[in-house]
PDB file of N, CA and C in Angstrom:
ATOM      1  N   MET A   1      49.717  46.431  65.972  1.00  0.00           N
ATOM      2  CA  MET A   1      49.513  48.104  65.764  1.00  0.00           C
ATOM      3  C   MET A   1      50.340  48.045  64.116  1.00  0.00           C
ATOM      4  N   SER A   2      49.772  48.779  63.602  1.00  0.00           N
ATOM      5  CA  SER A   2      50.607  49.330  61.944  1.00  0.00           C
ATOM      6  C   SER A   2      51.781  49.954  62.386  1.00  0.00           C
ATOM      7  N   ASP A   3      52.584  49.682  61.559  1.00  0.00           N
ATOM      8  CA  ASP A   3      53.944  50.437  61.529  1.00  0.00           C
ATOM      9  C   ASP A   3      53.710  52.032  60.858  1.00  0.00           C
ATOM     10  N   ARG A   4      52.846  52.240  60.218  1.00  0.00           N
ATOM     11  CA  ARG A   4      52.395  53.354  59.702  1.00  0.00           C
ATOM     12  C   ARG A   4      52.170  54.524  60.180  1.00  0.00           C
ATOM     13  N   SER A   5      51.246  53.786  61.745  1.00  0.00           N
ATOM     14  CA  SER A   5      50.061  54.846  62.663  1.00  0.00           C
ATOM     15  C   SER A   5      51.464  55.497  63.631  1.00  0.00           C
ATOM     16  N   ASN A   6      51.455  56.517  63.595  1.00  0.00           N
ATOM     17  CA  ASN A   6      52.083  57.281  64.319  1.00  0.00           C
ATOM     18  C   ASN A   6      51.644  58.043  65.952  1.00  0.00           C
ATOM     19  N   ILE A   7      50.155  57.942  65.611  1.00  0.00           N
ATOM     20  CA  ILE A   7      49.552  58.413  66.737  1.00  0.00           C
ATOM     21  C   ILE A   7      49.522  56.895  67.512  1.00  0.00           C
ATOM     22  N   LEU A   8      49.487  55.665  67.374  1.00  0.00           N
ATOM     23  CA  LEU A   8      49.730  54.517  68.068  1.00  0.00           C
ATOM     24  C   LEU A   8      50.670  54.656  68.975  1.00  0.00           C
ATOM     25  N   LYS A   9      52.196  55.043  68.139  1.00  0.00           N
ATOM     26  CA  LYS A   9      53.440  55.050  68.711  1.00  0.00           C
ATOM     27  C   LYS A   9      53.289  56.206  69.722  1.00  0.00           C
ATOM     28  N   ILE A  10      52.621  56.907  69.899  1.00  0.00           N
ATOM     29  CA  ILE A  10      52.521  57.780  71.083  1.00  0.00           C
ATOM     30  C   ILE A  10      51.809  57.126  72.252  1.00  0.00           C
ATOM     31  N   PHE A  11      50.934  56.606  72.410  1.00  0.00           N
ATOM     32  CA  PHE A  11      50.295  55.918  73.427  1.00  0.00           C
ATOM     33  C   PHE A  11      50.833  54.595  73.622  1.00  0.00           C
ATOM     34  N   ASN A  12      51.622  53.889  72.966  1.00  0.00           N
ATOM     35  CA  ASN A  12      52.080  52.506  73.162  1.00  0.00           C
ATOM     36  C   ASN A  12      53.557  52.740  72.450  1.00  0.00           C
ATOM     37  N   PRO A  13      54.632  53.570  73.026  1.00  0.00           N
ATOM     38  CA  PRO A  13      56.038  53.320  72.557  1.00  0.00           C
ATOM     39  C   PRO A  13      56.710  52.170  72.694  1.00  0.00           C
ATOM     40  N   SER A  14      57.771  52.010  71.999  1.00  0.00           N
ATOM     41  CA  SER A  14      58.250  50.809  71.999  1.00  0.00           C
ATOM     42  C   SER A  14      59.265  50.840  73.262  1.00  0.00           C
ATOM     43  N   GLN A  15      60.091  49.714  73.703  1.00  0.00           N
ATOM     44  CA  GLN A  15      60.791  49.689  74.431  1.00  0.00           C
ATOM     45  C   GLN A  15      61.950  50.245  74.295  1.00  0.00           C
ATOM     46  N   ASN A  16      62.530  49.773  73.060  1.00  0.00           N
ATOM     47  CA  ASN A  16      63.958  50.116  72.382  1.00  0.00           C
ATOM     48  C   ASN A  16      63.788  50.813  71.288  1.00  0.00           C
ATOM     49  N   PHE A  17      64.800  51.532  71.090  1.00  0.00           N
ATOM     50  CA  PHE A  17      64.853  52.515  69.692  1.00  0.00           C
ATOM     51  C   PHE A  17      66.238  52.137  69.318  1.00  0.00           C
ATOM     52  N   GLU A  18      66.428  51.983  68.156  1.00  0.00           N
ATOM     53  CA  GLU A  18      67.594  51.874  67.147  1.00  0.00           C
ATOM     54  C   GLU A  18      68.328  53.285  67.265  1.00  0.00           C
ATOM     55  N   ASN A  19      69.947  53.464  67.282  1.00  0.00           N
ATOM     56  CA  ASN A  19      70.643  54.318  67.312  1.00  0.00           C
ATOM     57  C   ASN A  19      70.593  54.394  65.660  1.00  0.00           C
ATOM     58  N   ASN A  20      70.660  55.532  64.986  1.00  0.00           N
ATOM     59  CA  ASN A  20      70.959  55.248  63.691  1.00  0.00           C
ATOM     60  C   ASN A  20      72.664  55.487  63.179  1.00  0.00           C
ATOM     61  N   ASN A  21      73.400  55.984  64.048  1.00  0.00           N
ATOM     62  CA  ASN A  21      74.931  56.048  63.913  1.00  0.00           C
ATOM     63  C   ASN A  21      75.588  54.824  64.048  1.00  0.00           C
ATOM     64  N   ASN A  22      75.177  54.007  65.409  1.00  0.00           N
ATOM     65  CA  ASN A  22      75.943  52.803  65.660  1.00  0.00           C
ATOM     66  C   ASN A  22      74.986  51.633  65.270  1.00  0.00           C
ATOM     67  N   ASN A  23      73.911  51.769  64.921  1.00  0.00           N
ATOM     68  CA  ASN A  23      72.831  50.398  64.445  1.00  0.00           C
ATOM     69  C   ASN A  23      72.752  50.101  65.827  1.00  0.00           C
ATOM     70  N   LYS A  24      73.011  50.100  67.040  1.00  0.00           N
ATOM     71  CA  LYS A  24      72.600  49.429  67.930  1.00  0.00           C
ATOM     72  C   LYS A  24      71.575  49.724  69.044  1.00  0.00           C
ATOM     73  N   ASN A  25      70.927  49.174  69.534  1.00  0.00           N
ATOM     74  CA  ASN A  25      69.894  48.996  70.543  1.00  0.00           C
ATOM     75  C   ASN A  25      70.078  49.884  71.632  1.00  0.00           C
ATOM     76  N   VAL A  26      68.978  50.756  72.168  1.00  0.00           N
ATOM     77  CA  VAL A  26      69.412  51.738  73.243  1.00  0.00           C
ATOM     78  C   VAL A  26      68.535  51.853  74.471  1.00  0.00           C
ATOM     79  N   THR A  27      68.483  51.400  75.451  1.00  0.00           N
ATOM     80  CA  THR A  27      67.484  50.891  76.365  1.00  0.00           C
ATOM     81  C   THR A  27      67.335  52.771  76.718  1.00  0.00           C
ATOM     82  N   ASP A  28      66.050  53.010  77.223  1.00  0.00           N
ATOM     83  CA  ASP A  28      65.488  54.417  77.600  1.00  0.00           C
ATOM     84  C   ASP A  28      66.313  55.129  78.939  1.00  0.00           C
ATOM     85  N   GLU A  29      66.722  53.821  79.777  1.00  0.00           N
ATOM     86  CA  GLU A  29      67.632  54.259  80.797  1.00  0.00           C
ATOM     87  C   GLU A  29      68.937  54.958  80.210  1.00  0.00           C
ATOM     88  N   ASP A  30      69.652  54.745  79.041  1.00  0.00           N
ATOM     89  CA  ASP A  30      70.526  55.092  78.833  1.00  0.00           C
ATOM     90  C   ASP A  30      70.862  56.312  77.912  1.00  0.00           C
ATOM     91  N   CYS A  31      69.588  57.163  77.920  1.00  0.00           N
ATOM     92  CA  CYS A  31      69.211  58.025  77.100  1.00  0.00           C
ATOM     93  C   CYS A  31      69.770  59.390  77.741  1.00  0.00           C
ATOM     94  N   LEU A  32      71.016  59.804  77.632  1.00  0.00           N
ATOM     95  CA  LEU A  32      71.569  60.632  78.355  1.00  0.00           C
ATOM     96  C   LEU A  32      71.411  62.379  78.372  1.00  0.00           C
ATOM     97  N   GLY A  33      70.911  62.784  77.154  1.00  0.00           N
ATOM     98  CA  GLY A  33      70.379  63.676  76.915  1.00  0.00           C
ATOM     99  C   GLY A  33      68.882  64.116  77.672  1.00  0.00           C
ATOM    100  N   CYS A  34      67.647  62.689  77.563  1.00  0.00           N
ATOM    101  CA  CYS A  34      66.763  62.949  78.201  1.00  0.00           C
ATOM    102  C   CYS A  34      66.965  63.078  79.624  1.00  0.00           C
ATOM    103  N   ASN A  35      67.861  62.426  80.205  1.00  0.00           N
ATOM    104  CA  ASN A  35      68.191  62.359  81.773  1.00  0.00           C
ATOM    105  C   ASN A  35      68.559  63.923  81.899  1.00  0.00           C
ATOM    106  N   VAL A  36      69.412  64.387  81.289  1.00  0.00           N
ATOM    107  CA  VAL A  36      69.845  65.864  81.682  1.00  0.00           C
ATOM    108  C   VAL A  36      68.811  66.965  81.532  1.00  0.00           C
ATOM    109  N   PHE A  37      68.195  66.455  80.531  1.00  0.00           N
ATOM    110  CA  PHE A  37      66.836  67.656  80.284  1.00  0.00           C
ATOM    111  C   PHE A  37      65.791  67.413  81.756  1.00  0.00           C
ATOM    112  N   ASN A  38      65.515  66.442  81.948  1.00  0.00           N
ATOM    113  CA  ASN A  38      64.696  65.773  83.050  1.00  0.00           C
ATOM    114  C   ASN A  38      65.089  66.208  84.559  1.00  0.00           C
ATOM    115  N   SER A  39      66.663  66.364  84.412  1.00  0.00           N
ATOM    116  CA  SER A  39      66.953  66.894  85.821  1.00  0.00           C
ATOM    117  C   SER A  39      66.854  68.176  85.997  1.00  0.00           C
ATOM    118  N   MET A  40      67.298  68.866  85.089  1.00  0.00           N
ATOM    119  CA  MET A  40      67.365  70.278  84.684  1.00  0.00           C
ATOM    120  C   MET A  40      66.193  70.968  84.807  1.00  0.00           C
ATOM    121  N   PHE A  41      64.853  70.323  84.311  1.00  0.00           N
ATOM    122  CA  PHE A  41      63.592  70.691  84.174  1.00  0.00           C
ATOM    123  C   PHE A  41      63.014  70.656  85.914  1.00  0.00           C
ATOM    124  N   LEU A  42      63.271  69.549  86.292  1.00  0.00           N
ATOM    125  CA  LEU A  42      62.836  69.265  87.848  1.00  0.00           C
ATOM    126  C   LEU A  42      63.471  70.285  89.000  1.00  0.00           C
ATOM    127  N   LEU A  43      65.015  70.518  88.637  1.00  0.00           N
ATOM    128  CA  LEU A  43      65.459  71.445  89.351  1.00  0.00           C
ATOM    129  C   LEU A  43      64.801  72.930  89.296  1.00  0.00           C
ATOM    130  N   THR A  44      64.696  73.212  88.146  1.00  0.00           N
ATOM    131  CA  THR A  44      64.487  74.653  87.633  1.00  0.00           C
ATOM    132  C   THR A  44      62.595  74.849  88.042  1.00  0.00           C
ATOM    133  N   GLY A  45      61.851  73.696  87.700  1.00  0.00           N
ATOM    134  CA  GLY A  45      60.529  73.702  88.249  1.00  0.00           C
ATOM    135  C   GLY A  45      60.351  73.690  89.638  1.00  0.00           C
ATOM    136  N   GLY A  46      60.902  73.021  90.632  1.00  0.00           N
ATOM    137  CA  GLY A  46      60.925  72.762  91.882  1.00  0.00           C
ATOM    138  C   GLY A  46      61.440  74.203  92.640  1.00  0.00           C
ATOM    139  N   SER A  47      62.579  74.769  92.333  1.00  0.00           N
ATOM    140  CA  SER A  47      63.386  76.011  92.786  1.00  0.00           C
ATOM    141  C   SER A  47      61.981  77.075  92.560  1.00  0.00           C
ATOM    142  N   TYR A  48      61.391  77.128  91.319  1.00  0.00           N
ATOM    143  CA  TYR A  48      60.448  77.996  91.244  1.00  0.00           C
ATOM    144  C   TYR A  48      59.242  77.975  92.087  1.00  0.00           C
ATOM    145  N   LEU A  49      58.848  76.702  92.332  1.00  0.00           N
ATOM    146  CA  LEU A  49      57.799  76.494  93.449  1.00  0.00           C
ATOM    147  C   LEU A  49      58.402  76.816  94.824  1.00  0.00           C
ATOM    148  N   LEU A  50      59.311  76.438  95.182  1.00  0.00           N
ATOM    149  CA  LEU A  50      60.275  76.677  96.485  1.00  0.00           C
ATOM    150  C   LEU A  50      60.434  78.004  96.894  1.00  0.00           C
ATOM    151  N   SER A  51      60.592  78.868  95.777  1.00  0.00           N
ATOM    152  CA  SER A  51      60.952  80.312  95.933  1.00  0.00           C
ATOM    153  C   SER A  51      59.713  81.229  96.800  1.00  0.00           C
ATOM    154  N   GLY A  52      58.601  80.656  96.486  1.00  0.00           N
ATOM    155  CA  GLY A  52      57.251  80.850  96.567  1.00  0.00           C
ATOM    156  C   GLY A  52      56.919  82.354  95.768  1.00  0.00           C
ATOM    157  N   TYR A  53      57.659  82.270  94.566  1.00  0.00           N
ATOM    158  CA  TYR A  53      56.981  83.557  93.398  1.00  0.00           C
ATOM    159  C   TYR A  53      55.643  83.181  93.021  1.00  0.00           C
ATOM    160  N   PRO A  54      55.151  82.126  92.867  1.00  0.00           N
ATOM    161  CA  PRO A  54      53.831  81.847  92.490  1.00  0.00           C
ATOM    162  C   PRO A  54      52.528  82.575  93.273  1.00  0.00           C
ATOM    163  N   VAL A  55      52.882  82.537  94.742  1.00  0.00           N
ATOM    164  CA  VAL A  55      52.244  83.153  95.523  1.00  0.00           C
ATOM    165  C   VAL A  55      52.607  84.322  95.909  1.00  0.00           C
ATOM    166  N   ARG A  56      52.905  84.994  95.210  1.00  0.00           N
ATOM    167  CA  ARG A  56      53.290  86.530  95.767  1.00  0.00           C
ATOM    168  C   ARG A  56      52.394  87.678  96.060  1.00  0.00           C
ATOM    169  N   LYS A  57      52.450  88.458  96.806  1.00  0.00           N
ATOM    170  CA  LYS A  57      51.535  89.460  97.297  1.00  0.00           C
ATOM    171  C   LYS A  57      51.396  90.399  96.181  1.00  0.00           C
ATOM    172  N   ASN A  58      50.107  90.757  95.726  1.00  0.00           N
ATOM    173  CA  ASN A  58      50.287  91.900  94.835  1.00  0.00           C
ATOM    174  C   ASN A  58      49.926  93.039  95.578  1.00  0.00           C
ATOM    175  N   VAL A  59      50.762  94.198  95.115  1.00  0.00           N
ATOM    176  CA  VAL A  59      50.874  95.532  96.004  1.00  0.00           C
ATOM    177  C   VAL A  59      49.500  96.095  96.264  1.00  0.00           C
ATOM    178  N   LYS A  60      48.133  95.783  95.084  1.00  0.00           N
ATOM    179  CA  LYS A  60      47.083  96.344  95.362  1.00  0.00           C
ATOM    180  C   LYS A  60      46.111  95.442  96.697  1.00  0.00           C
ATOM    181  N   TRP A  61      46.736  94.275  97.067  1.00  0.00           N
ATOM    182  CA  TRP A  61      46.042  93.378  98.027  1.00  0.00           C
ATOM    183  C   TRP A  61      46.429  93.904  99.076  1.00  0.00           C
ATOM    184  N   THR A  62      45.200  93.570 100.407  1.00  0.00           N
ATOM    185  CA  THR A  62      45.362  94.140 101.459  1.00  0.00           C
ATOM    186  C   THR A  62      45.984  92.649 101.970  1.00  0.00           C
ATOM    187  N   LEU A  63      46.470  92.664 103.498  1.00  0.00           N
ATOM    188  CA  LEU A  63      46.761  91.235 104.092  1.00  0.00           C
ATOM    189  C   LEU A  63      45.459  90.092 104.253  1.00  0.00           C
ATOM    190  N   GLN A  64      44.238  90.593 104.331  1.00  0.00           N
ATOM    191  CA  GLN A  64      43.148  90.083 104.452  1.00  0.00           C
ATOM    192  C   GLN A  64      42.942  89.319 103.250  1.00  0.00           C
ATOM    193  N   GLU A  65      43.056  90.179 102.280  1.00  0.00           N
ATOM    194  CA  GLU A  65      42.893  89.483 100.778  1.00  0.00           C
ATOM    195  C   GLU A  65      43.608  88.723 100.473  1.00  0.00           C
ATOM    196  N   TYR A  66      45.059  89.100 100.687  1.00  0.00           N
ATOM    197  CA  TYR A  66      46.156  88.037 100.237  1.00  0.00           C
ATOM    198  C   TYR A  66      45.779  86.709 100.726  1.00  0.00           C
ATOM    199  N   ASN A  67      45.410  86.741 102.182  1.00  0.00           N
ATOM    200  CA  ASN A  67      45.322  85.585 103.129  1.00  0.00           C
ATOM    201  C   ASN A  67      44.300  84.990 102.555  1.00  0.00           C
ATOM    202  N   LYS A  68      43.039  85.305 102.157  1.00  0.00           N
ATOM    203  CA  LYS A  68      42.171  84.641 101.594  1.00  0.00           C
ATOM    204  C   LYS A  68      42.311  84.101 100.273  1.00  0.00           C
ATOM    205  N   ILE A  69      42.966  84.768  99.174  1.00  0.00           N
ATOM    206  CA  ILE A  69      43.330  83.847  98.302  1.00  0.00           C
ATOM    207  C   ILE A  69      44.213  82.986  98.326  1.00  0.00           C
ATOM    208  N   HIS A  70      45.500  83.167  98.874  1.00  0.00           N
ATOM    209  CA  HIS A  70      46.322  82.142  99.152  1.00  0.00           C
ATOM    210  C   HIS A  70      46.661  81.760 100.606  1.00  0.00           C
ATOM    211  N   PRO A  71      45.822  80.671 100.956  1.00  0.00           N
ATOM    212  CA  PRO A  71      46.133  80.358 102.748  1.00  0.00           C
ATOM    213  C   PRO A  71      47.131  79.900 102.996  1.00  0.00           C
ATOM    214  N   LYS A  72      47.605  80.187 104.272  1.00  0.00           N
ATOM    215  CA  LYS A  72      48.697  79.364 105.054  1.00  0.00           C
ATOM    216  C   LYS A  72      48.914  77.990 104.263  1.00  0.00           C
ATOM    217  N   TRP A  73      48.046  77.253 104.558  1.00  0.00           N
ATOM    218  CA  TRP A  73      48.028  75.843 104.137  1.00  0.00           C
ATOM    219  C   TRP A  73      48.328  75.817 102.559  1.00  0.00           C
ATOM    220  N   TRP A  74      48.122  76.727 102.169  1.00  0.00           N
ATOM    221  CA  TRP A  74      48.330  76.352 100.518  1.00  0.00           C
ATOM    222  C   TRP A  74      49.952  76.512 100.011  1.00  0.00           C
ATOM    223  N   ARG A  75      50.226  77.936 100.862  1.00  0.00           N
ATOM    224  CA  ARG A  75      51.661  78.447 100.327  1.00  0.00           C
ATOM    225  C   ARG A  75      52.584  77.527 101.332  1.00  0.00           C
ATOM    226  N   THR A  76      52.159  76.875 102.185  1.00  0.00           N
ATOM    227  CA  THR A  76      53.255  75.691 102.707  1.00  0.00           C
ATOM    228  C   THR A  76      53.060  74.438 101.934  1.00  0.00           C
ATOM    229  N   SER A  77      51.727  73.950 101.617  1.00  0.00           N
ATOM    230  CA  SER A  77      51.894  72.798 100.955  1.00  0.00           C
ATOM    231  C   SER A  77      52.657  72.842  99.278  1.00  0.00           C
ATOM    232  N   LEU A  78      52.482  74.135  99.134  1.00  0.00           N
ATOM    233  CA  LEU A  78      53.139  74.599  97.617  1.00  0.00           C
ATOM    234  C   LEU A  78      54.624  74.189  97.675  1.00  0.00           C
ATOM    235  N   ARG A  79      55.264  75.030  98.838  1.00  0.00           N
ATOM    236  CA  ARG A  79      56.575  75.163  98.871  1.00  0.00           C
ATOM    237  C   ARG A  79      57.231  73.570  99.385  1.00  0.00           C
ATOM    238  N   SER A  80      56.196  72.715 100.000  1.00  0.00           N
ATOM    239  CA  SER A  80      56.698  71.544 100.345  1.00  0.00           C
ATOM    240  C   SER A  80      56.622  70.532  99.125  1.00  0.00           C
ATOM    241  N   VAL A  81      55.941  70.870  97.959  1.00  0.00           N
ATOM    242  CA  VAL A  81      56.029  69.662  96.772  1.00  0.00           C
ATOM    243  C   VAL A  81      57.151  70.667  96.162  1.00  0.00           C
ATOM    244  N   GLY A  82      57.240  71.908  95.998  1.00  0.00           N
ATOM    245  CA  GLY A  82      58.679  72.574  95.330  1.00  0.00           C
ATOM    246  C   GLY A  82      59.866  71.843  95.650  1.00  0.00           C
ATOM    247  N   GLY A  83      59.913  71.519  97.055  1.00  0.00           N
ATOM    248  CA  GLY A  83      61.339  70.957  97.765  1.00  0.00           C
ATOM    249  C   GLY A  83      61.201  69.516  97.499  1.00  0.00           C
ATOM    250  N   GLY A  84      60.184  68.914  97.332  1.00  0.00           N
ATOM    251  CA  GLY A  84      60.086  67.649  96.952  1.00  0.00           C
ATOM    252  C   GLY A  84      60.645  67.249  95.627  1.00  0.00           C
ATOM    253  N   VAL A  85      60.102  68.399  94.795  1.00  0.00           N
ATOM    254  CA  VAL A  85      60.462  68.197  93.263  1.00  0.00           C
ATOM    255  C   VAL A  85      62.304  68.819  93.144  1.00  0.00           C
ATOM    256  N   VAL A  86      62.908  69.370  93.787  1.00  0.00           N
ATOM    257  CA  VAL A  86      63.910  69.926  93.916  1.00  0.00           C
ATOM    258  C   VAL A  86      64.547  68.514  94.273  1.00  0.00           C
ATOM    259  N   LEU A  87      64.300  67.655  95.516  1.00  0.00           N
ATOM    260  CA  LEU A  87      64.999  66.649  96.165  1.00  0.00           C
ATOM    261  C   LEU A  87      65.019  65.526  94.909  1.00  0.00           C
ATOM    262  N   PHE A  88      63.996  65.282  94.190  1.00  0.00           N
ATOM    263  CA  PHE A  88      63.694  64.404  93.524  1.00  0.00           C
ATOM    264  C   PHE A  88      64.667  64.865  91.739  1.00  0.00           C
ATOM    265  N   GLY A  89      64.877  65.940  91.853  1.00  0.00           N
ATOM    266  CA  GLY A  89      65.686  66.485  90.613  1.00  0.00           C
ATOM    267  C   GLY A  89      67.363  66.100  90.942  1.00  0.00           C
ATOM    268  N   LEU A  90      67.459  66.596  92.292  1.00  0.00           N
ATOM    269  CA  LEU A  90      68.641  66.251  92.690  1.00  0.00           C
ATOM    270  C   LEU A  90      69.237  64.566  92.442  1.00  0.00           C
ATOM    271  N   TYR A  91      68.441  63.807  93.096  1.00  0.00           N
ATOM    272  CA  TYR A  91      68.518  62.279  92.853  1.00  0.00           C
ATOM    273  C   TYR A  91      68.621  61.951  91.204  1.00  0.00           C
ATOM    274  N   ARG A  92      67.659  62.622  90.498  1.00  0.00           N
ATOM    275  CA  ARG A  92      67.970  62.394  88.811  1.00  0.00           C
ATOM    276  C   ARG A  92      69.430  62.720  88.444  1.00  0.00           C
ATOM    277  N   SER A  93      69.758  63.937  88.953  1.00  0.00           N
ATOM    278  CA  SER A  93      71.223  64.382  88.626  1.00  0.00           C
ATOM    279  C   SER A  93      72.126  63.459  89.037  1.00  0.00           C
ATOM    280  N   VAL A  94      72.004  62.805  90.015  1.00  0.00           N
ATOM    281  CA  VAL A  94      73.202  61.756  90.425  1.00  0.00           C
ATOM    282  C   VAL A  94      73.007  60.798  89.403  1.00  0.00           C
ATOM    283  N   GLU A  95      71.815  60.372  89.343  1.00  0.00           N
ATOM    284  CA  GLU A  95      71.418  59.326  88.203  1.00  0.00           C
ATOM    285  C   GLU A  95      72.089  59.697  87.110  1.00  0.00           C
ATOM    286  N   THR A  96      71.906  60.492  86.457  1.00  0.00           N
ATOM    287  CA  THR A  96      72.446  60.958  84.951  1.00  0.00           C
ATOM    288  C   THR A  96      73.885  60.987  85.377  1.00  0.00           C
ATOM    289  N   PHE A  97      74.894  61.285  86.296  1.00  0.00           N
ATOM    290  CA  PHE A  97      75.693  61.472  86.291  1.00  0.00           C
ATOM    291  C   PHE A  97      76.428  60.179  86.068  1.00  0.00           C
ATOM    292  N   ARG A  98      75.924  59.369  86.826  1.00  0.00           N
ATOM    293  CA  ARG A  98      76.342  57.643  86.968  1.00  0.00           C
ATOM    294  C   ARG A  98      76.343  57.415  85.662  1.00  0.00           C
ATOM    295  N   ILE A  99      75.141  57.211  84.846  1.00  0.00           N
ATOM    296  CA  ILE A  99      75.139  56.936  83.667  1.00  0.00           C
ATOM    297  C   ILE A  99      76.003  57.534  82.562  1.00  0.00           C
ATOM    298  N   TRP A 100      76.208  58.957  82.793  1.00  0.00           N
ATOM    299  CA  TRP A 100      77.332  59.288  81.806  1.00  0.00           C
ATOM    300  C   TRP A 100      78.718  59.103  82.418  1.00  0.00           C
ATOM    301  N   ARG A 101      79.104  58.449  83.714  1.00  0.00           N
ATOM    302  CA  ARG A 101      80.317  57.903  83.804  1.00  0.00           C
ATOM    303  C   ARG A 101      80.442  56.515  83.443  1.00  0.00           C
ATOM    304  N   LYS A 102      79.060  55.816  83.203  1.00  0.00           N
ATOM    305  CA  LYS A 102      79.210  54.502  82.777  1.00  0.00           C
ATOM    306  C   LYS A 102      79.493  54.633  81.528  1.00  0.00           C
ATOM    307  N   VAL A 103      79.181  55.534  80.505  1.00  0.00           N
ATOM    308  CA  VAL A 103      79.179  55.581  79.333  1.00  0.00           C
ATOM    309  C   VAL A 103      80.305  56.203  78.677  1.00  0.00           C
ATOM    310  N   GLU A 104      81.271  56.805  79.684  1.00  0.00           N
ATOM    311  CA  GLU A 104      82.671  57.071  79.386  1.00  0.00           C
ATOM    312  C   GLU A 104      83.510  56.240  79.834  1.00  0.00           C
ATOM    313  N   SER A 105      83.422  55.366  80.636  1.00  0.00           N
ATOM    314  CA  SER A 105      84.420  54.410  81.007  1.00  0.00           C
ATOM    315  C   SER A 105      84.506  53.338  79.851  1.00  0.00           C
ATOM    316  N   SER A 106      82.806  53.167  79.499  1.00  0.00           N
ATOM    317  CA  SER A 106      82.755  52.186  78.329  1.00  0.00           C
ATOM    318  C   SER A 106      83.252  52.457  77.111  1.00  0.00           C
ATOM    319  N   LYS A 107      83.766  54.003  76.868  1.00  0.00           N
ATOM    320  CA  LYS A 107      84.393  54.525  75.845  1.00  0.00           C
ATOM    321  C   LYS A 107      85.923  54.753  75.520  1.00  0.00           C
ATOM    322  N   LEU A 108      86.303  54.215  77.053  1.00  0.00           N
ATOM    323  CA  LEU A 108      87.682  54.235  77.636  1.00  0.00           C
ATOM    324  C   LEU A 108      88.254  52.878  77.219  1.00  0.00           C
ATOM    325  N   LYS A 109      87.348  51.856  77.084  1.00  0.00           N
ATOM    326  CA  LYS A 109      87.293  50.359  77.214  1.00  0.00           C
ATOM    327  C   LYS A 109      87.744  50.140  75.869  1.00  0.00           C
ATOM    328  N   GLU A 110      86.962  50.809  75.020  1.00  0.00           N
ATOM    329  CA  GLU A 110      87.283  50.268  73.556  1.00  0.00           C
ATOM    330  C   GLU A 110      87.990  50.976  72.737  1.00  0.00           C
TER     331      GLU A 110
END
């Protein structure tokens, strides 16, 4: 792969990247900002689906039209997926906290 091609780097990213401040290799799992953003995205997206807001009833619809557009199995599965995404977001939040604790303890040792 050519070093000048940015498009190939999108589809085939390198495993490690260099931190310009300390000139040391940082693995993807140690990217604290990435993990924080990922956790926030999962928690907000999952809570949006879990809230039932995407399948809310329009005032103009009758109950039969609403049930035809959004059947009960669809509403239940959408909320179930939202609950799963929230649980995964909580798992990622705990993982992020552990990485943050590891980074902070390594700073204290230095």
